[in-house]
């Protein structure tokens, strides 16, 4: 009787490899990261990379989702956990400087800058949708507070939610440019003082 043998197990830890890919995309972005760069950083051959992750684009999509879950998430948490939109917006702005300057991690935010410089419209569109979803979540919370009378009726929720997200994008860029946590805290404080 012939028994089937199992294939050789992968010689790498997939979760560790994914984390290395996250950090590489976080540092360089999608466009500037080649399959060769990924292969070298993950310590696996290009065929193994394709077998494990399905190629550069599939790996990028998985990396962005894992980043948002494991390294990001502070925007979603503030929106869900804070009782009002005003508190959520202040918490987001207060936490952002520390998030964008963590020791041992790339500066900034993969969700904000991962598609910088790419000509791939699918990548740009996917990242824009992710950022827009976060802005829309915040807008929904602001709208609920307007309806509940906790914010004035004249508040323009699309513009206010966009203001918070644009401030975060600016903080990301300053962090990537080497600004100190103290400077980012100062910028965030000024931005928070303009909130209703």
C-alpha atoms as a PDB file:
ATOM      1  CA  UNK A   1       0.000   0.000   0.000  1.00  0.00           C
ATOM      2  CA  UNK A   2       1.311   3.427  -0.946  1.00  0.00           C
ATOM      3  CA  UNK A   3       0.783   6.203   1.545  1.00  0.00           C
ATOM      4  CA  UNK A   4       0.579   9.803   0.515  1.00  0.00           C
ATOM      5  CA  UNK A   5       3.333  11.999   1.823  1.00  0.00           C
ATOM      6  CA  UNK A   6       2.867  15.551   2.854  1.00  0.00           C
ATOM      7  CA  UNK A   7       4.642  18.328   1.050  1.00  0.00           C
ATOM      8  CA  UNK A   8       7.639  19.924   2.652  1.00  0.00           C
ATOM      9  CA  UNK A   9       6.499  22.474   5.259  1.00  0.00           C
ATOM     10  CA  UNK A  10       7.263  26.118   4.674  1.00  0.00           C
ATOM     11  CA  UNK A  11      10.690  27.050   5.962  1.00  0.00           C
ATOM     12  CA  UNK A  12       9.520  30.410   7.249  1.00  0.00           C
ATOM     13  CA  UNK A  13       7.039  31.863   9.690  1.00  0.00           C
ATOM     14  CA  UNK A  14       4.270  33.413   7.585  1.00  0.00           C
ATOM     15  CA  UNK A  15       3.172  35.888  10.277  1.00  0.00           C
ATOM     16  CA  UNK A  16       6.734  37.080  10.781  1.00  0.00           C
ATOM     17  CA  UNK A  17       7.174  37.397   7.024  1.00  0.00           C
ATOM     18  CA  UNK A  18       3.965  39.419   6.781  1.00  0.00           C
ATOM     19  CA  UNK A  19       5.161  41.756   9.524  1.00  0.00           C
ATOM     20  CA  UNK A  20       8.442  42.285   7.663  1.00  0.00           C
ATOM     21  CA  UNK A  21       6.457  43.095   4.522  1.00  0.00           C
ATOM     22  CA  UNK A  22       4.302  45.571   6.458  1.00  0.00           C
ATOM     23  CA  UNK A  23       7.382  47.415   7.656  1.00  0.00           C
ATOM     24  CA  UNK A  24       8.939  47.465   4.190  1.00  0.00           C
ATOM     25  CA  UNK A  25       5.785  48.851   2.547  1.00  0.00           C
ATOM     26  CA  UNK A  26       5.388  51.260   5.494  1.00  0.00           C
ATOM     27  CA  UNK A  27       8.893  52.611   4.880  1.00  0.00           C
ATOM     28  CA  UNK A  28       8.970  52.633   1.072  1.00  0.00           C
ATOM     29  CA  UNK A  29       5.377  52.477  -0.118  1.00  0.00           C
ATOM     30  CA  UNK A  30       3.899  50.154  -2.710  1.00  0.00           C
ATOM     31  CA  UNK A  31       5.557  51.595  -5.802  1.00  0.00           C
ATOM     32  CA  UNK A  32       9.117  51.765  -4.469  1.00  0.00           C
ATOM     33  CA  UNK A  33       9.017  48.223  -3.077  1.00  0.00           C
ATOM     34  CA  UNK A  34       9.974  45.592  -5.639  1.00  0.00           C
ATOM     35  CA  UNK A  35       9.303  41.868  -5.533  1.00  0.00           C
ATOM     36  CA  UNK A  36      13.051  41.438  -5.195  1.00  0.00           C
ATOM     37  CA  UNK A  37      13.079  43.772  -2.158  1.00  0.00           C
ATOM     38  CA  UNK A  38      10.287  41.734  -0.592  1.00  0.00           C
ATOM     39  CA  UNK A  39      12.033  38.444  -1.345  1.00  0.00           C
ATOM     40  CA  UNK A  40      15.243  39.671   0.296  1.00  0.00           C
ATOM     41  CA  UNK A  41      13.479  41.228   3.310  1.00  0.00           C
ATOM     42  CA  UNK A  42      11.323  38.168   3.928  1.00  0.00           C
ATOM     43  CA  UNK A  43      14.236  35.799   3.354  1.00  0.00           C
ATOM     44  CA  UNK A  44      12.361  33.650   0.847  1.00  0.00           C
ATOM     45  CA  UNK A  45      12.689  33.097  -2.876  1.00  0.00           C
ATOM     46  CA  UNK A  46      10.358  34.834  -5.271  1.00  0.00           C
ATOM     47  CA  UNK A  47       8.489  31.606  -6.144  1.00  0.00           C
ATOM     48  CA  UNK A  48       7.883  31.003  -2.420  1.00  0.00           C
ATOM     49  CA  UNK A  49       6.691  34.584  -2.025  1.00  0.00           C
ATOM     50  CA  UNK A  50       4.147  34.074  -4.807  1.00  0.00           C
ATOM     51  CA  UNK A  51       3.081  30.713  -3.356  1.00  0.00           C
ATOM     52  CA  UNK A  52       2.670  32.116   0.150  1.00  0.00           C
ATOM     53  CA  UNK A  53       1.156  35.523  -0.629  1.00  0.00           C
ATOM     54  CA  UNK A  54       0.043  35.521  -4.254  1.00  0.00           C
ATOM     55  CA  UNK A  55       2.351  38.268  -5.476  1.00  0.00           C
ATOM     56  CA  UNK A  56       3.224  41.844  -4.626  1.00  0.00           C
ATOM     57  CA  UNK A  57      -0.250  43.348  -4.920  1.00  0.00           C
ATOM     58  CA  UNK A  58      -1.929  40.605  -2.898  1.00  0.00           C
ATOM     59  CA  UNK A  59       0.806  40.891  -0.269  1.00  0.00           C
ATOM     60  CA  UNK A  60       0.355  44.670  -0.140  1.00  0.00           C
ATOM     61  CA  UNK A  61      -3.404  44.324   0.374  1.00  0.00           C
ATOM     62  CA  UNK A  62      -2.847  41.795   3.158  1.00  0.00           C
ATOM     63  CA  UNK A  63      -0.123  43.979   4.690  1.00  0.00           C
ATOM     64  CA  UNK A  64      -2.393  47.055   4.740  1.00  0.00           C
ATOM     65  CA  UNK A  65      -5.220  45.097   6.386  1.00  0.00           C
ATOM     66  CA  UNK A  66      -2.838  43.639   8.997  1.00  0.00           C
ATOM     67  CA  UNK A  67      -1.251  47.059   9.569  1.00  0.00           C
ATOM     68  CA  UNK A  68      -4.641  48.653  10.163  1.00  0.00           C
ATOM     69  CA  UNK A  69      -5.540  45.898  12.614  1.00  0.00           C
ATOM     70  CA  UNK A  70      -2.197  45.520  14.433  1.00  0.00           C
ATOM     71  CA  UNK A  71      -0.492  48.924  14.223  1.00  0.00           C
ATOM     72  CA  UNK A  72      -3.299  51.313  13.374  1.00  0.00           C
ATOM     73  CA  UNK A  73      -6.804  51.056  14.719  1.00  0.00           C
ATOM     74  CA  UNK A  74      -6.640  54.084  17.002  1.00  0.00           C
ATOM     75  CA  UNK A  75      -9.085  56.065  14.844  1.00  0.00           C
ATOM     76  CA  UNK A  76     -11.630  53.238  14.850  1.00  0.00           C
ATOM     77  CA  UNK A  77     -11.160  52.722  18.596  1.00  0.00           C
ATOM     78  CA  UNK A  78     -11.733  56.406  19.383  1.00  0.00           C
ATOM     79  CA  UNK A  79     -14.869  56.532  17.243  1.00  0.00           C
ATOM     80  CA  UNK A  80     -16.315  53.412  18.876  1.00  0.00           C
ATOM     81  CA  UNK A  81     -15.199  53.989  22.467  1.00  0.00           C
ATOM     82  CA  UNK A  82     -15.738  57.717  22.986  1.00  0.00           C
ATOM     83  CA  UNK A  83     -19.272  58.817  23.867  1.00  0.00           C
ATOM     84  CA  UNK A  84     -19.193  61.955  21.680  1.00  0.00           C
ATOM     85  CA  UNK A  85     -17.696  63.020  18.378  1.00  0.00           C
ATOM     86  CA  UNK A  86     -15.855  65.894  20.061  1.00  0.00           C
ATOM     87  CA  UNK A  87     -14.133  63.509  22.464  1.00  0.00           C
ATOM     88  CA  UNK A  88     -13.366  61.071  19.635  1.00  0.00           C
ATOM     89  CA  UNK A  89     -11.787  63.798  17.478  1.00  0.00           C
ATOM     90  CA  UNK A  90      -9.697  65.101  20.383  1.00  0.00           C
ATOM     91  CA  UNK A  91      -8.566  61.581  21.258  1.00  0.00           C
ATOM     92  CA  UNK A  92      -7.594  60.889  17.634  1.00  0.00           C
ATOM     93  CA  UNK A  93      -5.517  64.068  17.462  1.00  0.00           C
ATOM     94  CA  UNK A  94      -3.982  63.449  20.892  1.00  0.00           C
ATOM     95  CA  UNK A  95      -2.949  59.853  20.129  1.00  0.00           C
ATOM     96  CA  UNK A  96      -1.684  60.421  16.576  1.00  0.00           C
ATOM     97  CA  UNK A  97       1.746  61.933  17.418  1.00  0.00           C
ATOM     98  CA  UNK A  98       2.720  58.944  19.562  1.00  0.00           C
ATOM     99  CA  UNK A  99       1.431  56.521  16.923  1.00  0.00           C
ATOM    100  CA  UNK A 100       3.449  58.150  14.157  1.00  0.00           C
ATOM    101  CA  UNK A 101       6.743  58.257  16.082  1.00  0.00           C
ATOM    102  CA  UNK A 102       6.905  54.873  17.826  1.00  0.00           C
ATOM    103  CA  UNK A 103      10.395  53.586  18.536  1.00  0.00           C
ATOM    104  CA  UNK A 104      11.472  50.568  16.564  1.00  0.00           C
ATOM    105  CA  UNK A 105       8.845  51.160  13.871  1.00  0.00           C
ATOM    106  CA  UNK A 106       8.825  53.199  10.669  1.00  0.00           C
ATOM    107  CA  UNK A 107       7.579  56.754  11.099  1.00  0.00           C
ATOM    108  CA  UNK A 108       4.213  57.824   9.830  1.00  0.00           C
ATOM    109  CA  UNK A 109       1.331  55.660   8.659  1.00  0.00           C
ATOM    110  CA  UNK A 110       1.099  53.000   5.948  1.00  0.00           C
ATOM    111  CA  UNK A 111      -2.567  53.800   5.263  1.00  0.00           C
ATOM    112  CA  UNK A 112      -1.724  57.453   4.608  1.00  0.00           C
ATOM    113  CA  UNK A 113       1.426  57.051   2.512  1.00  0.00           C
ATOM    114  CA  UNK A 114       1.455  53.485   1.200  1.00  0.00           C
ATOM    115  CA  UNK A 115       0.224  54.542  -2.240  1.00  0.00           C
ATOM    116  CA  UNK A 116       2.446  57.626  -2.561  1.00  0.00           C
ATOM    117  CA  UNK A 117       4.013  57.848  -5.992  1.00  0.00           C
ATOM    118  CA  UNK A 118       2.238  54.859  -7.466  1.00  0.00           C
ATOM    119  CA  UNK A 119       0.769  54.931 -10.937  1.00  0.00           C
ATOM    120  CA  UNK A 120      -1.307  51.833 -10.196  1.00  0.00           C
ATOM    121  CA  UNK A 121      -4.853  53.202 -10.151  1.00  0.00           C
ATOM    122  CA  UNK A 122      -6.191  50.071  -8.420  1.00  0.00           C
ATOM    123  CA  UNK A 123      -3.785  50.583  -5.503  1.00  0.00           C
ATOM    124  CA  UNK A 124      -4.542  54.308  -5.319  1.00  0.00           C
ATOM    125  CA  UNK A 125      -8.283  53.702  -5.430  1.00  0.00           C
ATOM    126  CA  UNK A 126      -8.146  50.977  -2.765  1.00  0.00           C
ATOM    127  CA  UNK A 127      -6.132  53.168  -0.408  1.00  0.00           C
ATOM    128  CA  UNK A 128      -8.373  56.176  -1.060  1.00  0.00           C
ATOM    129  CA  UNK A 129     -11.421  54.035  -0.227  1.00  0.00           C
ATOM    130  CA  UNK A 130      -9.830  52.931   3.044  1.00  0.00           C
ATOM    131  CA  UNK A 131      -9.051  56.527   4.042  1.00  0.00           C
ATOM    132  CA  UNK A 132     -12.495  57.667   2.964  1.00  0.00           C
ATOM    133  CA  UNK A 133     -14.121  54.929   5.045  1.00  0.00           C
ATOM    134  CA  UNK A 134     -12.389  56.275   8.151  1.00  0.00           C
ATOM    135  CA  UNK A 135     -13.498  59.829   7.346  1.00  0.00           C
ATOM    136  CA  UNK A 136     -17.058  58.602   6.762  1.00  0.00           C
ATOM    137  CA  UNK A 137     -17.065  56.812  10.145  1.00  0.00           C
ATOM    138  CA  UNK A 138     -16.105  60.062  11.822  1.00  0.00           C
ATOM    139  CA  UNK A 139     -18.713  62.019   9.838  1.00  0.00           C
ATOM    140  CA  UNK A 140     -21.393  59.556  10.947  1.00  0.00           C
ATOM    141  CA  UNK A 141     -20.443  60.115  14.597  1.00  0.00           C
ATOM    142  CA  UNK A 142     -20.493  63.899  14.119  1.00  0.00           C
ATOM    143  CA  UNK A 143     -23.921  63.673  12.429  1.00  0.00           C
ATOM    144  CA  UNK A 144     -25.269  61.640  15.343  1.00  0.00           C
ATOM    145  CA  UNK A 145     -24.095  64.311  17.798  1.00  0.00           C
ATOM    146  CA  UNK A 146     -25.687  67.072  15.698  1.00  0.00           C
ATOM    147  CA  UNK A 147     -28.966  65.135  15.668  1.00  0.00           C
ATOM    148  CA  UNK A 148     -28.721  64.586  19.444  1.00  0.00           C
ATOM    149  CA  UNK A 149     -28.116  68.302  20.050  1.00  0.00           C
ATOM    150  CA  UNK A 150     -24.558  67.776  21.328  1.00  0.00           C
ATOM    151  CA  UNK A 151     -23.114  69.776  18.426  1.00  0.00           C
ATOM    152  CA  UNK A 152     -24.635  72.855  16.755  1.00  0.00           C
ATOM    153  CA  UNK A 153     -26.811  72.342  13.670  1.00  0.00           C
ATOM    154  CA  UNK A 154     -24.558  74.575  11.583  1.00  0.00           C
ATOM    155  CA  UNK A 155     -21.601  72.190  11.896  1.00  0.00           C
ATOM    156  CA  UNK A 156     -20.546  70.981   8.432  1.00  0.00           C
ATOM    157  CA  UNK A 157     -19.839  67.318   9.202  1.00  0.00           C
ATOM    158  CA  UNK A 158     -18.166  66.461   5.858  1.00  0.00           C
ATOM    159  CA  UNK A 159     -15.744  69.366   6.229  1.00  0.00           C
ATOM    160  CA  UNK A 160     -15.087  68.793   9.944  1.00  0.00           C
ATOM    161  CA  UNK A 161     -14.346  65.100   9.447  1.00  0.00           C
ATOM    162  CA  UNK A 162     -12.112  65.957   6.466  1.00  0.00           C
ATOM    163  CA  UNK A 163     -10.308  68.552   8.613  1.00  0.00           C
ATOM    164  CA  UNK A 164      -9.395  65.914  11.194  1.00  0.00           C
ATOM    165  CA  UNK A 165      -8.199  63.479   8.524  1.00  0.00           C
ATOM    166  CA  UNK A 166      -6.223  66.194   6.708  1.00  0.00           C
ATOM    167  CA  UNK A 167      -4.548  67.118   9.992  1.00  0.00           C
ATOM    168  CA  UNK A 168      -3.568  63.471  10.477  1.00  0.00           C
ATOM    169  CA  UNK A 169      -2.097  63.372   6.963  1.00  0.00           C
ATOM    170  CA  UNK A 170      -0.036  66.461   7.801  1.00  0.00           C
ATOM    171  CA  UNK A 171       1.172  64.888  11.049  1.00  0.00           C
ATOM    172  CA  UNK A 172       2.189  61.768   9.120  1.00  0.00           C
ATOM    173  CA  UNK A 173       4.232  63.812   6.670  1.00  0.00           C
ATOM    174  CA  UNK A 174       5.928  65.809   9.438  1.00  0.00           C
ATOM    175  CA  UNK A 175       6.759  62.531  11.237  1.00  0.00           C
ATOM    176  CA  UNK A 176       8.243  61.077   8.042  1.00  0.00           C
ATOM    177  CA  UNK A 177      10.262  64.282   7.627  1.00  0.00           C
ATOM    178  CA  UNK A 178      11.786  63.700  11.078  1.00  0.00           C
ATOM    179  CA  UNK A 179       9.734  66.054  13.254  1.00  0.00           C
ATOM    180  CA  UNK A 180       9.871  65.329  16.961  1.00  0.00           C
ATOM    181  CA  UNK A 181       6.995  63.938  18.966  1.00  0.00           C
ATOM    182  CA  UNK A 182       6.911  67.253  20.816  1.00  0.00           C
ATOM    183  CA  UNK A 183       6.398  69.187  17.586  1.00  0.00           C
ATOM    184  CA  UNK A 184       3.642  66.819  16.496  1.00  0.00           C
ATOM    185  CA  UNK A 185       1.946  67.168  19.891  1.00  0.00           C
ATOM    186  CA  UNK A 186       2.013  70.937  19.442  1.00  0.00           C
ATOM    187  CA  UNK A 187       0.474  70.764  15.979  1.00  0.00           C
ATOM    188  CA  UNK A 188      -2.195  68.356  17.179  1.00  0.00           C
ATOM    189  CA  UNK A 189      -2.976  70.633  20.112  1.00  0.00           C
ATOM    190  CA  UNK A 190      -3.521  73.633  17.844  1.00  0.00           C
ATOM    191  CA  UNK A 191      -5.727  71.536  15.571  1.00  0.00           C
ATOM    192  CA  UNK A 192      -7.742  70.233  18.526  1.00  0.00           C
ATOM    193  CA  UNK A 193      -8.304  73.781  19.805  1.00  0.00           C
ATOM    194  CA  UNK A 194     -10.183  74.559  16.576  1.00  0.00           C
ATOM    195  CA  UNK A 195     -12.668  71.724  17.115  1.00  0.00           C
ATOM    196  CA  UNK A 196     -16.214  72.500  18.240  1.00  0.00           C
END
